[in-house]
Structures are given as structure tokens and as C-alpha cells.
């Protein structure tokens, strides 16, 4: 059964070790790409939201949780599995909403945009807590949302705020889907000419070049 349709009773704990890839240039787009955020050595897709600890691992990789907080969150999830399952279900649901927003455009009358605005406001409206700037272990800084009450409620806030920023700053016109028809990744095109086509040149871009080269050789035979 697809992960988005699973019951809240689905087991949410596994060991997640695959590295994640961040190519979206914006946090919310990397979150959308989390359904294909890592690949195993055998090339199979890895969904970061398949399990709760995968979600926590993704948040850590995105520098939204440090190691200490991630460990504490995983421990709390073992104590409160219902809460962990609920936030995982919410994360999958919001990812679907944000993917529709990324892929269908920025027109105010567009249904995907209207739905996304309503869902963003719903999540932000029911989240109580404080925002703080904290230092990272590498000497950098990160803005954290510290919830009041439900410890799981704030996990999505940085992602949702990133999507809200994209709407407010008029960035949706620069959101692209990878030109590789087999790739579902989306990204923010910050190039000067606005013609970036590939999520990564090292993967999809090079594959396209190789395919064109093979077609050229075939025509020359």
C-alpha cells in the first residue's frame, strides 16, 4: 500500500542509513523530493517519509535537527508512537500538497495554489511555540521552532514556512520539474537565464547527454 495511504497504526521505526540528496535549492522543494531523496547502492528509491526515524534522519540531514535533538525525538517517538505516527501522516499529506503546488504553477486562481495556501495556514495556525536562532555544531546558525506542548507539532514548521516564503516572494515561477521524464524531482531555478533543466547535471543531465550521443551515433551508422 502506498505510504500516503497507510494507517496511523503503521510501524514507524526502522534504521535509516542511506545518504540524502538535496538539489531543490529551497527547503520546501527538498521536502517534496523526499519521496526520492536517496538511492541505495542497487539504485532503488528510498522514501524519507517511509518511517518516522527516516523523517527524523531527513530533518537532521537538512540541518533542522541537531544530533542531540534528533536522538531525543526518536526516544520520545518510542514513548509516544501515536503522536509520531500522526505527524508522519501529516508530513506525507503536506508533501502531496506541496508537490502539487510545485508542479502546477503559481496562478492565484489555480486550485493547487489555493489548496496549498489553505493547508499552509492551517498548519501555521495551530502551531504554538517560539522561534529561536541557535548555533550549529559546525559553527553556523540555524533558526529553530520550539513548540509549546506537543513535541511533534513543530517538526514541519520550517518546511511550511519555506513554502510560505516562496509564495510571498513570488518564487513559484522559477520552480521547475527535472526535464528527465523518469525523474520526479523539483527545484528552484536560480540561474541567470532561467533555463536550468536538470535536478543534477551529474545524474540526469549527463544521462541526457549520453542518450543524445547514442542517438547521434545511431543516425550516423
C-alpha atoms as a PDB file:
ATOM      1  CA  UNK A   1       0.000   0.000   0.000  1.00  0.00           C
ATOM      2  CA  UNK A   2       1.415   3.500  -0.818  1.00  0.00           C
ATOM      3  CA  UNK A   3       2.876   5.278   2.190  1.00  0.00           C
ATOM      4  CA  UNK A   4       0.413   8.173   1.991  1.00  0.00           C
ATOM      5  CA  UNK A   5      -2.474   5.736   2.407  1.00  0.00           C
ATOM      6  CA  UNK A   6      -1.108   3.816   5.355  1.00  0.00           C
ATOM      7  CA  UNK A   7      -2.972   3.684   8.638  1.00  0.00           C
ATOM      8  CA  UNK A   8      -1.725   5.654  11.603  1.00  0.00           C
ATOM      9  CA  UNK A   9      -1.073   2.283  13.189  1.00  0.00           C
ATOM     10  CA  UNK A  10       1.718   1.578  10.675  1.00  0.00           C
ATOM     11  CA  UNK A  11       5.030   0.757  12.406  1.00  0.00           C
ATOM     12  CA  UNK A  12       7.244   3.827  12.202  1.00  0.00           C
ATOM     13  CA  UNK A  13      10.652   2.672  13.396  1.00  0.00           C
ATOM     14  CA  UNK A  14      13.468   1.317  11.250  1.00  0.00           C
ATOM     15  CA  UNK A  15      17.161   2.005  10.831  1.00  0.00           C
ATOM     16  CA  UNK A  16      17.804   4.544   8.087  1.00  0.00           C
ATOM     17  CA  UNK A  17      21.370   4.812   6.828  1.00  0.00           C
ATOM     18  CA  UNK A  18      21.187   5.973   3.200  1.00  0.00           C
ATOM     19  CA  UNK A  19      22.529   9.481   2.467  1.00  0.00           C
ATOM     20  CA  UNK A  20      20.005  12.043   1.279  1.00  0.00           C
ATOM     21  CA  UNK A  21      20.389  14.266  -1.756  1.00  0.00           C
ATOM     22  CA  UNK A  22      19.375  17.938  -1.609  1.00  0.00           C
ATOM     23  CA  UNK A  23      19.021  19.526  -5.046  1.00  0.00           C
ATOM     24  CA  UNK A  24      15.892  21.683  -4.679  1.00  0.00           C
ATOM     25  CA  UNK A  25      17.689  24.905  -3.669  1.00  0.00           C
ATOM     26  CA  UNK A  26      14.785  25.559  -1.298  1.00  0.00           C
ATOM     27  CA  UNK A  27      13.862  23.612   1.830  1.00  0.00           C
ATOM     28  CA  UNK A  28      10.244  23.009   0.835  1.00  0.00           C
ATOM     29  CA  UNK A  29      11.306  21.649  -2.572  1.00  0.00           C
ATOM     30  CA  UNK A  30      13.820  19.304  -0.969  1.00  0.00           C
ATOM     31  CA  UNK A  31      10.954  18.147   1.227  1.00  0.00           C
ATOM     32  CA  UNK A  32       8.838  17.494  -1.871  1.00  0.00           C
ATOM     33  CA  UNK A  33      11.760  15.493  -3.250  1.00  0.00           C
ATOM     34  CA  UNK A  34      11.987  13.418  -0.083  1.00  0.00           C
ATOM     35  CA  UNK A  35       9.963  10.672  -1.786  1.00  0.00           C
ATOM     36  CA  UNK A  36      13.119  10.082  -3.843  1.00  0.00           C
ATOM     37  CA  UNK A  37      15.673  11.689  -1.563  1.00  0.00           C
ATOM     38  CA  UNK A  38      18.178   8.859  -1.519  1.00  0.00           C
ATOM     39  CA  UNK A  39      19.119   5.854  -3.578  1.00  0.00           C
ATOM     40  CA  UNK A  40      20.591   2.613  -2.351  1.00  0.00           C
ATOM     41  CA  UNK A  41      23.709   1.125  -3.894  1.00  0.00           C
ATOM     42  CA  UNK A  42      21.406  -1.046  -6.007  1.00  0.00           C
ATOM     43  CA  UNK A  43      19.650   2.046  -7.346  1.00  0.00           C
ATOM     44  CA  UNK A  44      16.275   1.553  -5.661  1.00  0.00           C
ATOM     45  CA  UNK A  45      14.383   4.618  -4.422  1.00  0.00           C
ATOM     46  CA  UNK A  46      14.256   5.481  -0.747  1.00  0.00           C
ATOM     47  CA  UNK A  47      11.332   7.472   0.640  1.00  0.00           C
ATOM     48  CA  UNK A  48      12.445   9.559   3.613  1.00  0.00           C
ATOM     49  CA  UNK A  49       8.906   9.540   4.991  1.00  0.00           C
ATOM     50  CA  UNK A  50       8.506   5.790   4.873  1.00  0.00           C
ATOM     51  CA  UNK A  51       9.204   5.671   8.613  1.00  0.00           C
ATOM     52  CA  UNK A  52       9.351   8.138  11.472  1.00  0.00           C
ATOM     53  CA  UNK A  53      13.064   7.674  12.038  1.00  0.00           C
ATOM     54  CA  UNK A  54      13.604   8.215   8.301  1.00  0.00           C
ATOM     55  CA  UNK A  55      11.749  11.520   8.670  1.00  0.00           C
ATOM     56  CA  UNK A  56      13.921  12.485  11.647  1.00  0.00           C
ATOM     57  CA  UNK A  57      17.034  11.474   9.729  1.00  0.00           C
ATOM     58  CA  UNK A  58      15.949  13.684   6.816  1.00  0.00           C
ATOM     59  CA  UNK A  59      15.335  16.608   9.187  1.00  0.00           C
ATOM     60  CA  UNK A  60      18.810  16.112  10.605  1.00  0.00           C
ATOM     61  CA  UNK A  61      20.361  15.940   7.139  1.00  0.00           C
ATOM     62  CA  UNK A  62      18.533  19.168   6.286  1.00  0.00           C
ATOM     63  CA  UNK A  63      20.084  20.716   9.415  1.00  0.00           C
ATOM     64  CA  UNK A  64      16.723  21.268  11.036  1.00  0.00           C
ATOM     65  CA  UNK A  65      17.589  18.994  13.965  1.00  0.00           C
ATOM     66  CA  UNK A  66      20.990  18.533  15.560  1.00  0.00           C
ATOM     67  CA  UNK A  67      22.130  15.073  16.648  1.00  0.00           C
ATOM     68  CA  UNK A  68      21.098  15.585  20.273  1.00  0.00           C
ATOM     69  CA  UNK A  69      17.607  16.775  19.387  1.00  0.00           C
ATOM     70  CA  UNK A  70      17.152  14.050  16.788  1.00  0.00           C
ATOM     71  CA  UNK A  71      18.060  11.393  19.339  1.00  0.00           C
ATOM     72  CA  UNK A  72      15.655  12.911  21.848  1.00  0.00           C
ATOM     73  CA  UNK A  73      12.889  12.998  19.231  1.00  0.00           C
ATOM     74  CA  UNK A  74      13.419   9.339  18.336  1.00  0.00           C
ATOM     75  CA  UNK A  75      13.291   8.406  22.015  1.00  0.00           C
ATOM     76  CA  UNK A  76      10.097  10.405  22.516  1.00  0.00           C
ATOM     77  CA  UNK A  77       8.565   8.671  19.492  1.00  0.00           C
ATOM     78  CA  UNK A  78       9.154   5.287  21.100  1.00  0.00           C
ATOM     79  CA  UNK A  79       7.319   6.560  24.179  1.00  0.00           C
ATOM     80  CA  UNK A  80       4.512   8.171  22.174  1.00  0.00           C
ATOM     81  CA  UNK A  81       4.092   6.128  18.967  1.00  0.00           C
ATOM     82  CA  UNK A  82       0.622   7.518  18.268  1.00  0.00           C
ATOM     83  CA  UNK A  83       1.964  11.076  18.174  1.00  0.00           C
ATOM     84  CA  UNK A  84       4.876  10.025  15.974  1.00  0.00           C
ATOM     85  CA  UNK A  85       2.540   8.237  13.565  1.00  0.00           C
ATOM     86  CA  UNK A  86       0.237  11.257  13.417  1.00  0.00           C
ATOM     87  CA  UNK A  87       3.000  13.699  12.481  1.00  0.00           C
ATOM     88  CA  UNK A  88       4.365  11.251   9.909  1.00  0.00           C
ATOM     89  CA  UNK A  89       0.903  11.014   8.340  1.00  0.00           C
ATOM     90  CA  UNK A  90       0.683  14.816   8.345  1.00  0.00           C
ATOM     91  CA  UNK A  91       4.124  15.099   6.725  1.00  0.00           C
ATOM     92  CA  UNK A  92       3.102  12.767   3.891  1.00  0.00           C
ATOM     93  CA  UNK A  93      -0.128  14.675   3.388  1.00  0.00           C
ATOM     94  CA  UNK A  94       1.640  18.049   3.252  1.00  0.00           C
ATOM     95  CA  UNK A  95       4.250  16.682   0.873  1.00  0.00           C
ATOM     96  CA  UNK A  96       1.475  15.760  -1.578  1.00  0.00           C
ATOM     97  CA  UNK A  97       0.001  19.254  -1.261  1.00  0.00           C
ATOM     98  CA  UNK A  98       3.370  20.926  -1.808  1.00  0.00           C
ATOM     99  CA  UNK A  99       4.235  18.715  -4.774  1.00  0.00           C
ATOM    100  CA  UNK A 100       1.015  19.802  -6.461  1.00  0.00           C
ATOM    101  CA  UNK A 101       1.982  23.416  -5.757  1.00  0.00           C
ATOM    102  CA  UNK A 102       5.477  22.907  -7.184  1.00  0.00           C
ATOM    103  CA  UNK A 103       4.262  21.185 -10.336  1.00  0.00           C
ATOM    104  CA  UNK A 104       1.110  23.112 -11.227  1.00  0.00           C
ATOM    105  CA  UNK A 105       2.131  26.746 -11.080  1.00  0.00           C
ATOM    106  CA  UNK A 106       1.627  29.974  -9.223  1.00  0.00           C
ATOM    107  CA  UNK A 107      -1.569  31.462 -10.589  1.00  0.00           C
ATOM    108  CA  UNK A 108      -3.740  32.763  -7.698  1.00  0.00           C
ATOM    109  CA  UNK A 109      -6.809  31.049  -9.159  1.00  0.00           C
ATOM    110  CA  UNK A 110      -5.026  27.725  -9.573  1.00  0.00           C
ATOM    111  CA  UNK A 111      -6.579  25.030  -7.401  1.00  0.00           C
ATOM    112  CA  UNK A 112      -3.203  23.645  -6.289  1.00  0.00           C
ATOM    113  CA  UNK A 113      -2.174  27.099  -5.091  1.00  0.00           C
ATOM    114  CA  UNK A 114      -5.466  27.688  -3.266  1.00  0.00           C
ATOM    115  CA  UNK A 115      -5.261  24.298  -1.545  1.00  0.00           C
ATOM    116  CA  UNK A 116      -1.625  24.890  -0.577  1.00  0.00           C
ATOM    117  CA  UNK A 117      -2.414  28.297   0.926  1.00  0.00           C
ATOM    118  CA  UNK A 118      -5.249  26.821   2.988  1.00  0.00           C
ATOM    119  CA  UNK A 119      -3.073  23.941   4.222  1.00  0.00           C
ATOM    120  CA  UNK A 120      -0.101  26.182   4.986  1.00  0.00           C
ATOM    121  CA  UNK A 121      -2.327  28.493   7.013  1.00  0.00           C
ATOM    122  CA  UNK A 122      -3.881  25.521   8.796  1.00  0.00           C
ATOM    123  CA  UNK A 123      -0.513  24.153   9.914  1.00  0.00           C
ATOM    124  CA  UNK A 124       0.858  27.542  10.903  1.00  0.00           C
ATOM    125  CA  UNK A 125      -2.356  28.475  12.680  1.00  0.00           C
ATOM    126  CA  UNK A 126      -2.378  25.503  15.033  1.00  0.00           C
ATOM    127  CA  UNK A 127       1.310  25.567  15.925  1.00  0.00           C
ATOM    128  CA  UNK A 128       2.170  27.233  19.203  1.00  0.00           C
ATOM    129  CA  UNK A 129       5.762  27.889  20.192  1.00  0.00           C
ATOM    130  CA  UNK A 130       8.722  30.234  19.867  1.00  0.00           C
ATOM    131  CA  UNK A 131      11.332  30.804  17.173  1.00  0.00           C
ATOM    132  CA  UNK A 132      14.993  30.942  18.152  1.00  0.00           C
ATOM    133  CA  UNK A 133      18.359  31.286  16.453  1.00  0.00           C
ATOM    134  CA  UNK A 134      20.777  28.633  17.669  1.00  0.00           C
ATOM    135  CA  UNK A 135      24.347  27.681  16.838  1.00  0.00           C
ATOM    136  CA  UNK A 136      25.165  24.522  14.920  1.00  0.00           C
ATOM    137  CA  UNK A 137      27.989  22.149  15.736  1.00  0.00           C
ATOM    138  CA  UNK A 138      29.900  23.388  12.653  1.00  0.00           C
ATOM    139  CA  UNK A 139      29.847  26.975  13.931  1.00  0.00           C
ATOM    140  CA  UNK A 140      26.960  28.104  11.728  1.00  0.00           C
ATOM    141  CA  UNK A 141      23.491  29.147  12.771  1.00  0.00           C
ATOM    142  CA  UNK A 142      20.012  27.737  12.367  1.00  0.00           C
ATOM    143  CA  UNK A 143      16.540  29.119  13.079  1.00  0.00           C
ATOM    144  CA  UNK A 144      14.520  26.658  15.155  1.00  0.00           C
ATOM    145  CA  UNK A 145      10.867  26.498  16.097  1.00  0.00           C
ATOM    146  CA  UNK A 146      10.452  25.271  19.664  1.00  0.00           C
ATOM    147  CA  UNK A 147       6.940  24.010  20.270  1.00  0.00           C
ATOM    148  CA  UNK A 148       4.846  24.573  23.354  1.00  0.00           C
ATOM    149  CA  UNK A 149       3.108  21.330  24.284  1.00  0.00           C
ATOM    150  CA  UNK A 150       3.138  18.696  21.527  1.00  0.00           C
ATOM    151  CA  UNK A 151       6.811  17.963  20.796  1.00  0.00           C
ATOM    152  CA  UNK A 152       5.998  16.628  17.334  1.00  0.00           C
ATOM    153  CA  UNK A 153       3.881  19.595  16.220  1.00  0.00           C
ATOM    154  CA  UNK A 154       6.801  21.820  15.262  1.00  0.00           C
ATOM    155  CA  UNK A 155       8.710  19.370  13.068  1.00  0.00           C
ATOM    156  CA  UNK A 156       7.033  20.586   9.878  1.00  0.00           C
ATOM    157  CA  UNK A 157       7.098  24.308  10.666  1.00  0.00           C
ATOM    158  CA  UNK A 158      10.430  25.171   8.944  1.00  0.00           C
ATOM    159  CA  UNK A 159       9.290  23.352   5.795  1.00  0.00           C
ATOM    160  CA  UNK A 160       5.898  25.053   5.789  1.00  0.00           C
ATOM    161  CA  UNK A 161       7.462  28.468   6.390  1.00  0.00           C
ATOM    162  CA  UNK A 162       9.786  27.853   3.447  1.00  0.00           C
ATOM    163  CA  UNK A 163       6.778  27.174   1.213  1.00  0.00           C
ATOM    164  CA  UNK A 164       5.071  30.300   2.563  1.00  0.00           C
ATOM    165  CA  UNK A 165       8.191  32.339   1.739  1.00  0.00           C
ATOM    166  CA  UNK A 166       8.094  31.019  -1.829  1.00  0.00           C
ATOM    167  CA  UNK A 167       4.524  32.271  -2.234  1.00  0.00           C
ATOM    168  CA  UNK A 168       5.196  35.636  -0.604  1.00  0.00           C
ATOM    169  CA  UNK A 169       8.415  36.223  -2.569  1.00  0.00           C
ATOM    170  CA  UNK A 170       6.887  35.221  -5.898  1.00  0.00           C
ATOM    171  CA  UNK A 171       9.290  32.329  -6.456  1.00  0.00           C
ATOM    172  CA  UNK A 172       6.893  29.781  -7.951  1.00  0.00           C
ATOM    173  CA  UNK A 173       7.530  30.991 -11.494  1.00  0.00           C
ATOM    174  CA  UNK A 174      11.088  29.724 -11.081  1.00  0.00           C
ATOM    175  CA  UNK A 175      10.150  26.290  -9.778  1.00  0.00           C
ATOM    176  CA  UNK A 176      10.906  23.530 -12.274  1.00  0.00           C
ATOM    177  CA  UNK A 177      10.498  19.786 -12.568  1.00  0.00           C
ATOM    178  CA  UNK A 178      13.525  17.904 -13.846  1.00  0.00           C
ATOM    179  CA  UNK A 179      13.405  17.510 -17.639  1.00  0.00           C
ATOM    180  CA  UNK A 180      14.209  13.822 -17.282  1.00  0.00           C
ATOM    181  CA  UNK A 181      10.760  12.177 -17.657  1.00  0.00           C
ATOM    182  CA  UNK A 182      11.884   9.401 -15.313  1.00  0.00           C
ATOM    183  CA  UNK A 183      12.817  11.857 -12.561  1.00  0.00           C
ATOM    184  CA  UNK A 184      10.200  13.471 -10.322  1.00  0.00           C
ATOM    185  CA  UNK A 185      12.485  15.920  -8.538  1.00  0.00           C
ATOM    186  CA  UNK A 186      11.647  19.624  -8.472  1.00  0.00           C
ATOM    187  CA  UNK A 187      13.977  22.554  -7.916  1.00  0.00           C
ATOM    188  CA  UNK A 188      14.243  26.326  -7.792  1.00  0.00           C
ATOM    189  CA  UNK A 189      15.905  27.693 -10.917  1.00  0.00           C
ATOM    190  CA  UNK A 190      18.174  30.467  -9.730  1.00  0.00           C
ATOM    191  CA  UNK A 191      20.161  30.618 -12.948  1.00  0.00           C
ATOM    192  CA  UNK A 192      20.544  33.994 -14.630  1.00  0.00           C
ATOM    193  CA  UNK A 193      18.743  32.981 -17.810  1.00  0.00           C
ATOM    194  CA  UNK A 194      16.128  30.846 -16.048  1.00  0.00           C
ATOM    195  CA  UNK A 195      16.800  27.841 -18.277  1.00  0.00           C
ATOM    196  CA  UNK A 196      18.062  25.215 -15.861  1.00  0.00           C
ATOM    197  CA  UNK A 197      16.589  21.855 -16.911  1.00  0.00           C
ATOM    198  CA  UNK A 198      18.074  19.170 -14.699  1.00  0.00           C
ATOM    199  CA  UNK A 199      17.897  18.453 -10.984  1.00  0.00           C
ATOM    200  CA  UNK A 200      21.589  17.496 -11.190  1.00  0.00           C
ATOM    201  CA  UNK A 201      23.985  17.657 -14.127  1.00  0.00           C
ATOM    202  CA  UNK A 202      25.955  14.766 -12.616  1.00  0.00           C
ATOM    203  CA  UNK A 203      22.956  12.454 -12.902  1.00  0.00           C
ATOM    204  CA  UNK A 204      20.023  13.424 -15.082  1.00  0.00           C
ATOM    205  CA  UNK A 205      21.975  15.976 -17.134  1.00  0.00           C
ATOM    206  CA  UNK A 206      24.753  13.563 -18.005  1.00  0.00           C
ATOM    207  CA  UNK A 207      22.280  10.788 -18.783  1.00  0.00           C
ATOM    208  CA  UNK A 208      20.508  13.072 -21.249  1.00  0.00           C
ATOM    209  CA  UNK A 209      23.809  13.964 -22.896  1.00  0.00           C
ATOM    210  CA  UNK A 210      24.735  10.304 -23.159  1.00  0.00           C
ATOM    211  CA  UNK A 211      21.335   9.483 -24.681  1.00  0.00           C
ATOM    212  CA  UNK A 212      21.714  12.253 -27.284  1.00  0.00           C
ATOM    213  CA  UNK A 213      25.185  10.992 -28.131  1.00  0.00           C
ATOM    214  CA  UNK A 214      23.888   7.446 -28.638  1.00  0.00           C
ATOM    215  CA  UNK A 215      21.096   8.718 -30.905  1.00  0.00           C
ATOM    216  CA  UNK A 216      23.605  10.701 -32.934  1.00  0.00           C
ATOM    217  CA  UNK A 217      25.858   7.689 -33.370  1.00  0.00           C
ATOM    218  CA  UNK A 218      22.884   5.584 -34.434  1.00  0.00           C
ATOM    219  CA  UNK A 219      21.856   8.127 -37.088  1.00  0.00           C
ATOM    220  CA  UNK A 220      25.405   8.179 -38.432  1.00  0.00           C
ATOM    221  CA  UNK A 221      25.524   4.404 -38.897  1.00  0.00           C
END
